[in-house]
Amino acid sequence: MTKELEELYLTGESKIYKDVAKTPELLKGYTRAISTLVQAVDSEQLKQFSFLHYEKLRYQFSGISSVRLSNRYVHRLLFTELEDGIEVQLITIDNTHYGNKT
């Protein structure tokens, strides 16, 4: 996990991920997602948690997996699945994800 993501998890504050830190629903979703990822033995266990909306990404994001931080927002936590666990990389915001109609 990057230093910025670890800071966000431990303190609820981040200079890079300000929108997540300032939105209680996103911050709660982030901490819940990280806690679940830490406890998961492998990615198969992540499928049991429907609130995560776990998926392996394809095309230009091949080899990366993601979970959603909130059903209301398009913020996703991207991570790489390794043989010895999961490596969290970043939070991405894509307002075109899932056909956002705004």
N, C-alpha and C. Protein backbone atom coordinates (compact mmCIF):
# COMPACT_ATOMS: atom_id res chain seq x y z
N MET A 1 0.85 -1.17 0.00
CA MET A 1 0.00 0.00 0.00
C MET A 1 0.90 1.24 0.00
N THR A 2 0.51 2.21 -0.78
CA THR A 2 1.31 3.43 -0.82
C THR A 2 1.20 4.19 0.51
N LYS A 3 2.13 5.07 0.73
CA LYS A 3 2.16 5.86 1.97
C LYS A 3 0.88 6.70 2.10
N GLU A 4 0.43 7.28 0.98
CA GLU A 4 -0.77 8.11 1.01
C GLU A 4 -2.02 7.31 1.37
N LEU A 5 -2.13 6.09 0.80
CA LEU A 5 -3.29 5.24 1.11
C LEU A 5 -3.25 4.75 2.55
N GLU A 6 -2.06 4.47 3.04
CA GLU A 6 -1.92 4.04 4.43
C GLU A 6 -2.29 5.18 5.38
N GLU A 7 -1.86 6.39 5.04
CA GLU A 7 -2.21 7.56 5.85
C GLU A 7 -3.74 7.77 5.88
N LEU A 8 -4.36 7.62 4.73
CA LEU A 8 -5.82 7.75 4.65
C LEU A 8 -6.50 6.71 5.51
N TYR A 9 -6.01 5.49 5.50
CA TYR A 9 -6.60 4.41 6.30
C TYR A 9 -6.41 4.65 7.79
N LEU A 10 -5.22 5.07 8.19
CA LEU A 10 -4.91 5.22 9.61
C LEU A 10 -5.47 6.50 10.23
N THR A 11 -5.44 7.61 9.48
CA THR A 11 -5.83 8.89 10.05
C THR A 11 -7.12 9.47 9.48
N GLY A 12 -7.53 8.97 8.32
CA GLY A 12 -8.71 9.54 7.67
C GLY A 12 -8.40 10.83 6.93
N GLU A 13 -7.12 11.12 6.74
CA GLU A 13 -6.71 12.34 6.05
C GLU A 13 -5.72 12.00 4.95
N SER A 14 -5.75 12.77 3.87
CA SER A 14 -4.82 12.57 2.78
C SER A 14 -4.76 13.82 1.91
N LYS A 15 -3.56 14.18 1.49
CA LYS A 15 -3.41 15.33 0.60
C LYS A 15 -3.77 14.95 -0.83
N ILE A 16 -3.54 13.72 -1.20
CA ILE A 16 -3.83 13.27 -2.56
C ILE A 16 -5.30 12.89 -2.73
N TYR A 17 -5.86 12.18 -1.77
CA TYR A 17 -7.23 11.69 -1.86
C TYR A 17 -8.17 12.53 -0.99
N LYS A 18 -8.15 13.83 -1.22
CA LYS A 18 -8.96 14.77 -0.42
C LYS A 18 -10.44 14.48 -0.54
N ASP A 19 -10.92 14.17 -1.74
CA ASP A 19 -12.35 13.93 -1.92
C ASP A 19 -12.82 12.72 -1.12
N VAL A 20 -11.99 11.71 -0.98
CA VAL A 20 -12.35 10.54 -0.17
C VAL A 20 -12.32 10.91 1.30
N ALA A 21 -11.31 11.63 1.73
CA ALA A 21 -11.17 12.02 3.13
C ALA A 21 -12.30 12.94 3.58
N LYS A 22 -12.81 13.78 2.68
CA LYS A 22 -13.85 14.75 3.04
C LYS A 22 -15.27 14.20 2.91
N THR A 23 -15.42 13.02 2.32
CA THR A 23 -16.75 12.44 2.13
C THR A 23 -16.89 11.24 3.06
N PRO A 24 -17.67 11.38 4.14
CA PRO A 24 -17.78 10.31 5.13
C PRO A 24 -18.16 8.95 4.54
N GLU A 25 -19.05 8.93 3.57
CA GLU A 25 -19.47 7.67 2.97
C GLU A 25 -18.30 6.98 2.24
N LEU A 26 -17.50 7.76 1.53
CA LEU A 26 -16.35 7.21 0.83
C LEU A 26 -15.27 6.75 1.80
N LEU A 27 -15.02 7.53 2.84
CA LEU A 27 -14.01 7.16 3.82
C LEU A 27 -14.40 5.87 4.54
N LYS A 28 -15.65 5.77 4.91
CA LYS A 28 -16.14 4.53 5.55
C LYS A 28 -16.01 3.35 4.60
N GLY A 29 -16.37 3.54 3.33
CA GLY A 29 -16.25 2.48 2.34
C GLY A 29 -14.80 2.07 2.12
N TYR A 30 -13.91 3.06 2.12
CA TYR A 30 -12.48 2.79 1.94
C TYR A 30 -11.94 1.95 3.09
N THR A 31 -12.22 2.37 4.32
CA THR A 31 -11.70 1.62 5.47
C THR A 31 -12.30 0.22 5.53
N ARG A 32 -13.57 0.10 5.16
CA ARG A 32 -14.21 -1.22 5.13
C ARG A 32 -13.58 -2.10 4.05
N ALA A 33 -13.30 -1.53 2.90
CA ALA A 33 -12.68 -2.30 1.81
C ALA A 33 -11.28 -2.75 2.18
N ILE A 34 -10.48 -1.85 2.77
CA ILE A 34 -9.12 -2.21 3.17
C ILE A 34 -9.15 -3.30 4.24
N SER A 35 -10.01 -3.16 5.22
CA SER A 35 -10.12 -4.17 6.28
C SER A 35 -10.48 -5.53 5.70
N THR A 36 -11.39 -5.54 4.74
CA THR A 36 -11.81 -6.78 4.11
C THR A 36 -10.67 -7.38 3.29
N LEU A 37 -9.94 -6.53 2.54
CA LEU A 37 -8.81 -7.02 1.75
C LEU A 37 -7.72 -7.60 2.63
N VAL A 38 -7.46 -6.98 3.76
CA VAL A 38 -6.43 -7.45 4.68
C VAL A 38 -6.79 -8.83 5.25
N GLN A 39 -8.06 -9.03 5.54
CA GLN A 39 -8.50 -10.29 6.14
C GLN A 39 -8.67 -11.41 5.12
N ALA A 40 -8.84 -11.07 3.86
CA ALA A 40 -9.08 -12.08 2.83
C ALA A 40 -7.82 -12.90 2.57
N VAL A 41 -8.00 -14.20 2.50
CA VAL A 41 -6.90 -15.11 2.21
C VAL A 41 -6.54 -15.04 0.73
N ASP A 42 -7.57 -14.95 -0.12
CA ASP A 42 -7.36 -14.83 -1.55
C ASP A 42 -8.53 -14.07 -2.17
N SER A 43 -8.44 -13.81 -3.46
CA SER A 43 -9.46 -13.02 -4.12
C SER A 43 -10.80 -13.74 -4.21
N GLU A 44 -10.80 -15.05 -4.14
CA GLU A 44 -12.07 -15.80 -4.16
C GLU A 44 -12.95 -15.41 -2.98
N GLN A 45 -12.36 -15.10 -1.86
CA GLN A 45 -13.14 -14.68 -0.69
C GLN A 45 -13.81 -13.33 -0.91
N LEU A 46 -13.22 -12.49 -1.74
CA LEU A 46 -13.79 -11.16 -1.98
C LEU A 46 -15.14 -11.25 -2.68
N LYS A 47 -15.36 -12.30 -3.42
CA LYS A 47 -16.64 -12.49 -4.13
C LYS A 47 -17.80 -12.68 -3.15
N GLN A 48 -17.51 -13.08 -1.94
CA GLN A 48 -18.55 -13.30 -0.93
C GLN A 48 -19.12 -11.99 -0.40
N PHE A 49 -18.42 -10.90 -0.58
CA PHE A 49 -18.84 -9.60 -0.06
C PHE A 49 -19.43 -8.78 -1.20
N SER A 50 -20.74 -8.84 -1.35
CA SER A 50 -21.39 -8.18 -2.48
C SER A 50 -21.20 -6.67 -2.47
N PHE A 51 -21.04 -6.06 -1.29
CA PHE A 51 -20.88 -4.61 -1.22
C PHE A 51 -19.61 -4.12 -1.89
N LEU A 52 -18.63 -5.00 -2.07
CA LEU A 52 -17.37 -4.62 -2.70
C LEU A 52 -17.48 -4.52 -4.22
N HIS A 53 -18.38 -5.27 -4.81
CA HIS A 53 -18.49 -5.33 -6.27
C HIS A 53 -17.12 -5.63 -6.89
N TYR A 54 -16.49 -6.67 -6.35
CA TYR A 54 -15.16 -7.09 -6.79
C TYR A 54 -15.18 -7.50 -8.26
N GLU A 55 -14.17 -7.07 -9.00
CA GLU A 55 -14.04 -7.53 -10.38
C GLU A 55 -12.59 -7.47 -10.83
N LYS A 56 -12.24 -8.41 -11.70
CA LYS A 56 -10.94 -8.37 -12.37
C LYS A 56 -11.13 -7.54 -13.62
N LEU A 57 -10.29 -6.55 -13.79
CA LEU A 57 -10.42 -5.65 -14.92
C LEU A 57 -9.79 -6.26 -16.18
N ARG A 58 -10.20 -5.75 -17.32
CA ARG A 58 -9.71 -6.28 -18.60
C ARG A 58 -9.13 -5.15 -19.44
N TYR A 59 -8.69 -5.55 -20.63
CA TYR A 59 -8.16 -4.63 -21.63
C TYR A 59 -6.94 -3.88 -21.11
N GLN A 60 -6.94 -2.56 -21.12
CA GLN A 60 -5.74 -1.81 -20.72
C GLN A 60 -5.44 -1.96 -19.23
N PHE A 61 -6.39 -2.47 -18.45
CA PHE A 61 -6.17 -2.67 -17.01
C PHE A 61 -6.00 -4.15 -16.68
N SER A 62 -5.65 -4.95 -17.65
CA SER A 62 -5.46 -6.38 -17.45
C SER A 62 -4.43 -6.62 -16.34
N GLY A 63 -4.74 -7.55 -15.45
CA GLY A 63 -3.86 -7.85 -14.33
C GLY A 63 -4.16 -7.06 -13.08
N ILE A 64 -5.14 -6.16 -13.16
CA ILE A 64 -5.54 -5.34 -12.01
C ILE A 64 -6.97 -5.69 -11.64
N SER A 65 -7.24 -5.70 -10.35
CA SER A 65 -8.59 -5.94 -9.85
C SER A 65 -9.09 -4.69 -9.14
N SER A 66 -10.40 -4.64 -8.89
CA SER A 66 -10.93 -3.46 -8.23
C SER A 66 -12.12 -3.81 -7.35
N VAL A 67 -12.35 -2.94 -6.38
CA VAL A 67 -13.55 -2.99 -5.54
C VAL A 67 -14.11 -1.58 -5.47
N ARG A 68 -15.39 -1.49 -5.31
CA ARG A 68 -16.05 -0.18 -5.24
C ARG A 68 -16.06 0.29 -3.79
N LEU A 69 -15.87 1.60 -3.59
CA LEU A 69 -15.88 2.16 -2.24
C LEU A 69 -17.30 2.45 -1.77
N SER A 70 -18.19 2.75 -2.70
CA SER A 70 -19.55 3.12 -2.35
C SER A 70 -20.45 2.86 -3.56
N ASN A 71 -21.70 2.52 -3.29
CA ASN A 71 -22.65 2.33 -4.39
C ASN A 71 -23.06 3.66 -5.00
N ARG A 72 -22.92 4.72 -4.25
CA ARG A 72 -23.37 6.04 -4.69
C ARG A 72 -22.34 6.77 -5.55
N TYR A 73 -21.08 6.43 -5.39
CA TYR A 73 -20.00 7.13 -6.09
C TYR A 73 -19.26 6.16 -7.01
N VAL A 74 -18.48 6.69 -7.95
CA VAL A 74 -17.75 5.85 -8.89
C VAL A 74 -16.30 5.60 -8.47
N HIS A 75 -15.95 5.89 -7.25
CA HIS A 75 -14.60 5.68 -6.75
C HIS A 75 -14.35 4.18 -6.59
N ARG A 76 -13.20 3.74 -7.10
CA ARG A 76 -12.84 2.34 -6.99
C ARG A 76 -11.42 2.23 -6.45
N LEU A 77 -11.17 1.18 -5.70
CA LEU A 77 -9.84 0.90 -5.18
C LEU A 77 -9.22 -0.15 -6.09
N LEU A 78 -8.09 0.18 -6.71
CA LEU A 78 -7.41 -0.74 -7.61
C LEU A 78 -6.30 -1.46 -6.87
N PHE A 79 -6.13 -2.74 -7.17
CA PHE A 79 -5.09 -3.52 -6.52
C PHE A 79 -4.63 -4.65 -7.43
N THR A 80 -3.45 -5.15 -7.12
CA THR A 80 -2.88 -6.28 -7.85
C THR A 80 -2.94 -7.50 -6.95
N GLU A 81 -3.36 -8.61 -7.53
CA GLU A 81 -3.39 -9.86 -6.78
C GLU A 81 -2.06 -10.57 -6.98
N LEU A 82 -1.41 -10.89 -5.88
CA LEU A 82 -0.12 -11.58 -5.90
C LEU A 82 -0.29 -12.96 -5.29
N GLU A 83 0.69 -13.82 -5.48
CA GLU A 83 0.61 -15.17 -4.92
C GLU A 83 0.56 -15.15 -3.40
N ASP A 84 1.24 -14.19 -2.80
CA ASP A 84 1.30 -14.13 -1.34
C ASP A 84 0.36 -13.08 -0.75
N GLY A 85 -0.60 -12.59 -1.53
CA GLY A 85 -1.55 -11.63 -0.98
C GLY A 85 -2.01 -10.62 -2.02
N ILE A 86 -2.42 -9.47 -1.52
CA ILE A 86 -2.97 -8.42 -2.36
C ILE A 86 -2.16 -7.15 -2.14
N GLU A 87 -1.80 -6.45 -3.22
CA GLU A 87 -1.06 -5.20 -3.12
C GLU A 87 -1.97 -4.06 -3.60
N VAL A 88 -2.35 -3.19 -2.68
CA VAL A 88 -3.22 -2.08 -3.00
C VAL A 88 -2.41 -0.99 -3.68
N GLN A 89 -2.95 -0.45 -4.79
CA GLN A 89 -2.20 0.52 -5.57
C GLN A 89 -2.74 1.94 -5.46
N LEU A 90 -4.00 2.16 -5.80
CA LEU A 90 -4.52 3.51 -5.81
C LEU A 90 -6.03 3.52 -5.85
N ILE A 91 -6.56 4.69 -5.62
CA ILE A 91 -8.00 4.91 -5.79
C ILE A 91 -8.16 5.66 -7.09
N THR A 92 -9.07 5.21 -7.91
CA THR A 92 -9.30 5.89 -9.17
C THR A 92 -10.70 6.47 -9.22
N ILE A 93 -10.83 7.57 -9.88
CA ILE A 93 -12.13 8.22 -10.04
C ILE A 93 -12.35 8.37 -11.54
N ASP A 94 -13.41 7.77 -12.01
CA ASP A 94 -13.70 7.82 -13.44
C ASP A 94 -15.19 8.06 -13.59
N ASN A 95 -15.57 9.28 -13.96
CA ASN A 95 -16.99 9.59 -14.00
C ASN A 95 -17.70 8.97 -15.21
N THR A 96 -16.97 8.23 -16.04
CA THR A 96 -17.61 7.51 -17.13
C THR A 96 -17.80 6.04 -16.80
N HIS A 97 -17.27 5.61 -15.66
CA HIS A 97 -17.36 4.21 -15.27
C HIS A 97 -18.82 3.80 -15.07
N TYR A 98 -19.17 2.66 -15.55
CA TYR A 98 -20.53 2.12 -15.44
C TYR A 98 -21.58 3.01 -16.08
N GLY A 99 -21.19 3.74 -17.09
CA GLY A 99 -22.16 4.53 -17.83
C GLY A 99 -22.80 5.64 -17.03
N ASN A 100 -22.03 6.36 -16.25
CA ASN A 100 -22.54 7.46 -15.45
C ASN A 100 -23.30 8.43 -16.36
N LYS A 101 -24.53 8.75 -16.02
CA LYS A 101 -25.41 9.52 -16.89
C LYS A 101 -25.35 11.03 -16.66
N THR A 102 -24.45 11.53 -15.83
CA THR A 102 -24.40 12.96 -15.55
C THR A 102 -23.76 13.75 -16.63
